[in-house]
Protein backbone atom coordinates (compact mmCIF):
# COMPACT_ATOMS: atom_id res chain seq x y z
CA MET A 1 0.00 0.00 0.00
CA ALA A 2 1.01 3.59 -0.56
CA ALA A 3 -0.40 6.64 1.22
CA ASN A 4 -1.44 9.47 -1.10
CA PHE A 5 -1.48 12.56 1.14
CA ASN A 6 -2.89 15.09 -1.33
CA SER A 7 -5.46 12.67 -2.77
CA ASN A 8 -6.68 11.53 0.68
CA ASN A 9 -6.52 7.87 -0.25
CA VAL A 10 -4.34 4.78 -0.16
CA SER A 11 -3.27 2.79 -3.21
CA VAL A 12 -3.13 -1.00 -2.99
CA ILE A 13 -0.20 -2.27 -5.05
CA SER A 14 0.22 -5.80 -6.37
CA THR A 15 3.76 -6.99 -5.67
CA ALA A 16 3.40 -9.56 -8.46
CA THR A 17 2.69 -6.99 -11.18
CA ASN A 18 3.76 -3.68 -9.59
CA THR A 19 0.40 -2.15 -10.50
CA ILE A 20 -2.30 -0.43 -8.47
CA THR A 21 -5.12 -2.88 -7.90
CA ALA A 22 -7.39 -0.77 -5.69
CA THR A 23 -7.73 2.70 -4.21
CA ILE A 24 -9.13 3.17 -0.72
CA PRO A 25 -10.81 6.58 -0.21
CA GLY A 26 -11.99 8.27 2.97
CA LEU A 27 -8.70 9.29 4.56
CA SER A 28 -7.53 12.76 5.60
CA GLY A 29 -3.92 13.48 4.73
CA PRO A 30 -2.68 9.90 5.05
CA GLY A 31 0.97 9.57 5.98
CA GLY A 32 2.42 6.59 7.81
CA LEU A 33 1.38 2.99 7.18
CA SER A 34 1.92 -0.11 9.28
CA LEU A 35 0.85 -3.68 8.58
CA THR A 36 -0.10 -5.83 11.57
CA PRO A 37 2.10 -8.91 12.13
CA ASP A 38 -0.68 -11.24 10.96
CA GLY A 39 -1.25 -9.19 7.80
CA ALA A 40 -4.93 -8.71 8.58
CA ASP A 41 -4.98 -4.93 9.07
CA VAL A 42 -3.13 -1.82 8.00
CA TYR A 43 -2.96 1.21 10.29
CA VAL A 44 -2.79 4.56 8.49
CA THR A 45 -2.11 7.93 10.12
CA ASN A 46 -4.37 10.80 9.04
CA GLU A 47 -2.36 13.96 9.57
CA ASN A 48 -5.22 16.36 8.75
CA SER A 49 -7.72 14.86 11.20
CA SER A 50 -5.40 13.65 14.00
CA THR A 51 -6.68 10.10 13.66
CA VAL A 52 -5.50 6.64 12.68
CA SER A 53 -7.63 4.58 10.29
CA VAL A 54 -7.71 0.79 10.43
CA ILE A 55 -7.98 -0.86 7.03
CA ASP A 56 -8.98 -4.51 6.61
CA ALA A 57 -6.30 -5.84 4.24
CA ALA A 58 -8.58 -8.55 2.83
CA THR A 59 -11.48 -6.26 1.91
CA ASN A 60 -9.62 -2.94 1.47
CA THR A 61 -12.17 -1.15 3.64
CA ILE A 62 -11.80 1.17 6.61
CA THR A 63 -13.11 -0.67 9.66
CA ASP A 64 -12.29 1.83 12.41
CA THR A 65 -10.96 5.33 13.02
CA ILE A 66 -9.06 6.08 16.22
CA PRO A 67 -8.57 9.63 17.57
CA VAL A 68 -4.91 10.30 18.46
CA GLY A 69 -2.65 13.28 19.15
CA SER A 70 -2.11 16.21 16.82
CA VAL A 71 -0.72 15.55 13.30
CA PRO A 72 0.24 11.87 13.56
CA ASP A 73 2.88 10.85 11.03
CA GLY A 74 4.82 7.66 11.74
CA ILE A 75 3.29 4.46 13.05
CA VAL A 76 4.51 0.94 13.87
CA ALA A 77 2.34 -2.05 14.74
CA ASP A 78 3.51 -3.99 17.79
CA PRO A 79 5.21 -7.17 16.49
CA ALA A 80 3.88 -9.02 19.53
CA GLY A 81 0.34 -8.04 18.58
CA GLY A 82 -0.21 -6.20 21.87
């Protein structure tokens, strides 16, 4: 996946073909991305709304939005899943 800050979306990229296979709208200045250790979810920082969106990697849909501190940028999922 690639965050597209100015377009307010995330591009899903096929590693087999190096092409965009889907675009996920509904974000607000997306910046950092982090895949959970099990590959089920992607956490995306939204710098313009001070939130983190949770994207279901299987369906490419936003399943939750979490309020966080001002202008979140980087993010890392806990490798232990905690």
